């Protein structure tokens, strides 16, 4: 009696070069679609972060003005000490007690907050390029900050009312699109 045995097949461990190249090509195609969408999400998050930080600092400045009983001024500043009348708020800002009412930080006045710089975000305000909160809570001048990424693909506004209250919006106060 003879047993017929099956011939042994060589075992394959791993992938062939063709299979590996096909998988790499599929990964490249998927990443080609995912990376631009990712960049859009990153830009949107940066605009949201900048407008949220500005909104919180506006609230803080108003509360501190009421609590301390002195005017508080916010203005754009790159160095955390000097107000820049022509400055982009995206480079940072400061909030300080303005005892003498000149809308400029003096060494005798207290800095209450320093806003961070956002490298890929522009933040624009109106003229004059500062905002003052009074001890009664009101703000002057009223208006809206335009927060935009450098390519203007993502925009948001921080609207400041004469009463000193602020809100975030995706449009200008008139309901029109935000123009940066």
Protein backbone atom coordinates (compact mmCIF):
# COMPACT_ATOMS: atom_id res chain seq x y z
CA UNK A 1 0.00 0.00 0.00
CA UNK A 2 1.38 3.23 -1.06
CA UNK A 3 0.29 6.61 0.17
CA UNK A 4 0.25 9.41 -2.24
CA UNK A 5 1.48 12.54 -0.65
CA UNK A 6 0.72 16.01 -1.87
CA UNK A 7 3.60 17.95 -3.16
CA UNK A 8 4.58 20.72 -0.80
CA UNK A 9 3.92 24.23 -1.99
CA UNK A 10 6.45 26.84 -1.00
CA UNK A 11 4.97 29.11 1.69
CA UNK A 12 4.77 32.82 0.95
CA UNK A 13 5.54 35.20 3.76
CA UNK A 14 4.96 38.89 3.00
CA UNK A 15 3.89 40.84 -0.03
CA UNK A 16 5.17 40.94 -3.52
CA UNK A 17 6.64 44.14 -4.91
CA UNK A 18 3.57 44.71 -7.10
CA UNK A 19 1.20 44.38 -4.11
CA UNK A 20 3.27 46.81 -2.05
CA UNK A 21 3.32 49.38 -4.90
CA UNK A 22 -0.46 49.14 -5.32
CA UNK A 23 -0.98 49.78 -1.59
CA UNK A 24 1.41 52.76 -1.67
CA UNK A 25 -0.42 54.21 -4.67
CA UNK A 26 -3.77 53.91 -2.86
CA UNK A 27 -2.35 55.61 0.24
CA UNK A 28 -0.99 58.46 -1.93
CA UNK A 29 -4.40 58.98 -3.56
CA UNK A 30 -6.21 59.04 -0.20
CA UNK A 31 -3.69 61.51 1.26
CA UNK A 32 -4.01 63.68 -1.84
CA UNK A 33 -7.67 64.20 -0.97
CA UNK A 34 -7.25 64.39 2.81
CA UNK A 35 -4.41 66.93 3.15
CA UNK A 36 -6.21 69.92 1.52
CA UNK A 37 -9.29 69.28 3.66
CA UNK A 38 -7.04 69.09 6.70
CA UNK A 39 -5.45 72.43 5.88
CA UNK A 40 -8.89 74.00 5.56
CA UNK A 41 -9.79 72.70 9.01
CA UNK A 42 -6.56 74.05 10.50
CA UNK A 43 -7.20 77.51 9.01
CA UNK A 44 -10.78 77.49 10.32
CA UNK A 45 -9.57 76.53 13.78
CA UNK A 46 -6.99 79.35 13.80
CA UNK A 47 -9.66 81.94 12.89
CA UNK A 48 -12.01 80.51 15.55
CA UNK A 49 -9.23 80.56 18.16
CA UNK A 50 -8.25 84.17 17.36
CA UNK A 51 -11.84 85.45 17.43
CA UNK A 52 -12.57 83.51 20.63
CA UNK A 53 -9.49 84.92 22.37
CA UNK A 54 -10.36 88.45 21.29
CA UNK A 55 -13.96 87.97 22.48
CA UNK A 56 -12.79 86.76 25.92
CA UNK A 57 -10.35 89.67 26.24
CA UNK A 58 -13.09 92.16 25.35
CA UNK A 59 -15.28 90.68 28.09
CA UNK A 60 -12.39 90.80 30.56
CA UNK A 61 -11.61 94.44 29.73
CA UNK A 62 -15.25 95.43 30.24
CA UNK A 63 -15.52 93.59 33.55
CA UNK A 64 -12.23 95.07 34.81
CA UNK A 65 -13.34 98.59 33.86
CA UNK A 66 -16.54 98.15 35.86
CA UNK A 67 -14.78 96.46 38.78
CA UNK A 68 -11.91 98.98 39.03
CA UNK A 69 -13.98 102.05 38.20
CA UNK A 70 -11.54 103.32 35.54
CA UNK A 71 -11.58 103.36 31.74
CA UNK A 72 -9.85 100.38 30.12
CA UNK A 73 -8.44 100.69 26.60
CA UNK A 74 -7.59 97.88 24.18
CA UNK A 75 -5.27 98.60 21.27
CA UNK A 76 -3.09 96.64 18.83
CA UNK A 77 0.46 96.09 20.08
CA UNK A 78 3.33 93.94 18.87
CA UNK A 79 5.54 94.36 21.92
CA UNK A 80 2.96 94.38 24.72
CA UNK A 81 3.69 98.01 25.66
CA UNK A 82 3.14 100.43 22.78
CA UNK A 83 -0.21 100.95 21.04
CA UNK A 84 0.19 100.94 17.28
CA UNK A 85 -2.45 103.17 15.67
CA UNK A 86 -1.90 101.57 12.27
CA UNK A 87 -1.35 98.07 13.62
CA UNK A 88 -2.99 94.79 12.76
CA UNK A 89 -4.67 93.30 15.82
CA UNK A 90 -3.50 89.89 14.54
CA UNK A 91 0.00 90.83 15.79
CA UNK A 92 -1.33 91.03 19.35
CA UNK A 93 -3.02 93.60 21.58
CA UNK A 94 -2.92 95.04 25.07
CA UNK A 95 -5.55 96.16 27.54
CA UNK A 96 -4.65 98.73 30.18
CA UNK A 97 -6.14 101.19 32.68
CA UNK A 98 -6.31 104.58 30.99
CA UNK A 99 -6.34 107.03 33.92
CA UNK A 100 -5.33 110.08 31.85
CA UNK A 101 -7.71 109.33 28.96
CA UNK A 102 -5.09 109.63 26.20
CA UNK A 103 -5.66 106.08 24.81
CA UNK A 104 -1.92 105.34 25.10
CA UNK A 105 -0.23 103.16 27.65
CA UNK A 106 1.93 105.10 30.13
CA UNK A 107 4.28 103.47 32.64
CA UNK A 108 2.09 104.70 35.50
CA UNK A 109 -0.91 102.70 34.18
CA UNK A 110 -1.49 98.99 34.74
CA UNK A 111 -1.53 96.52 31.87
CA UNK A 112 -4.45 94.16 32.47
CA UNK A 113 -4.08 91.81 29.53
CA UNK A 114 -1.81 91.00 26.63
CA UNK A 115 -3.39 89.32 23.62
CA UNK A 116 -1.34 86.80 21.64
CA UNK A 117 -0.17 87.19 18.06
CA UNK A 118 -1.71 84.98 15.39
CA UNK A 119 0.71 84.45 12.51
CA UNK A 120 -1.81 83.31 9.91
CA UNK A 121 -4.73 85.55 10.91
CA UNK A 122 -5.54 89.21 10.20
CA UNK A 123 -7.70 91.09 12.71
CA UNK A 124 -8.94 94.52 11.65
CA UNK A 125 -10.89 97.19 13.52
CA UNK A 126 -12.09 100.62 12.53
CA UNK A 127 -10.64 104.10 13.12
CA UNK A 128 -9.66 105.05 15.74
CA UNK A 129 -7.72 101.81 16.10
CA UNK A 130 -8.47 101.36 19.80
CA UNK A 131 -11.48 100.49 21.94
CA UNK A 132 -12.34 102.03 25.31
CA UNK A 133 -14.58 100.55 28.01
CA UNK A 134 -15.98 102.94 30.61
CA UNK A 135 -16.74 102.09 34.27
CA UNK A 136 -20.48 102.04 33.45
CA UNK A 137 -19.79 99.19 31.01
CA UNK A 138 -20.25 100.98 27.71
CA UNK A 139 -17.77 100.83 24.85
CA UNK A 140 -16.59 103.48 22.43
CA UNK A 141 -16.41 103.29 19.48
CA UNK A 142 -18.80 100.49 18.64
CA UNK A 143 -18.19 98.39 15.55
CA UNK A 144 -16.92 94.99 14.58
CA UNK A 145 -13.57 93.25 14.38
CA UNK A 146 -12.99 91.38 11.13
CA UNK A 147 -11.06 88.18 11.77
CA UNK A 148 -9.78 86.52 8.59
CA UNK A 149 -7.12 84.08 7.51
CA UNK A 150 -4.45 85.45 5.17
CA UNK A 151 -6.23 84.10 2.06
CA UNK A 152 -9.69 85.36 3.20
CA UNK A 153 -11.17 81.89 2.83
CA UNK A 154 -12.41 81.83 6.45
CA UNK A 155 -13.86 84.90 8.16
CA UNK A 156 -15.57 85.73 11.42
CA UNK A 157 -16.56 88.94 13.17
CA UNK A 158 -16.57 90.04 16.78
CA UNK A 159 -19.30 92.65 17.08
CA UNK A 160 -19.01 95.23 19.87
CA UNK A 161 -22.12 97.19 20.82
CA UNK A 162 -22.18 100.65 22.38
CA UNK A 163 -23.43 98.99 25.59
CA UNK A 164 -20.09 97.17 25.80
CA UNK A 165 -21.49 93.76 25.02
CA UNK A 166 -19.81 91.68 22.35
CA UNK A 167 -20.82 88.68 20.27
CA UNK A 168 -19.32 86.41 17.63
CA UNK A 169 -20.90 86.20 14.18
CA UNK A 170 -20.22 84.80 10.72
CA UNK A 171 -21.46 88.00 9.06
CA UNK A 172 -21.01 91.72 9.57
CA UNK A 173 -23.54 93.55 11.79
CA UNK A 174 -25.60 94.48 8.70
CA UNK A 175 -25.84 90.82 7.69
CA UNK A 176 -23.50 91.27 4.73
CA UNK A 177 -20.44 89.08 4.20
CA UNK A 178 -17.32 90.09 6.11
CA UNK A 179 -14.84 92.05 3.99
CA UNK A 180 -11.26 91.93 5.19
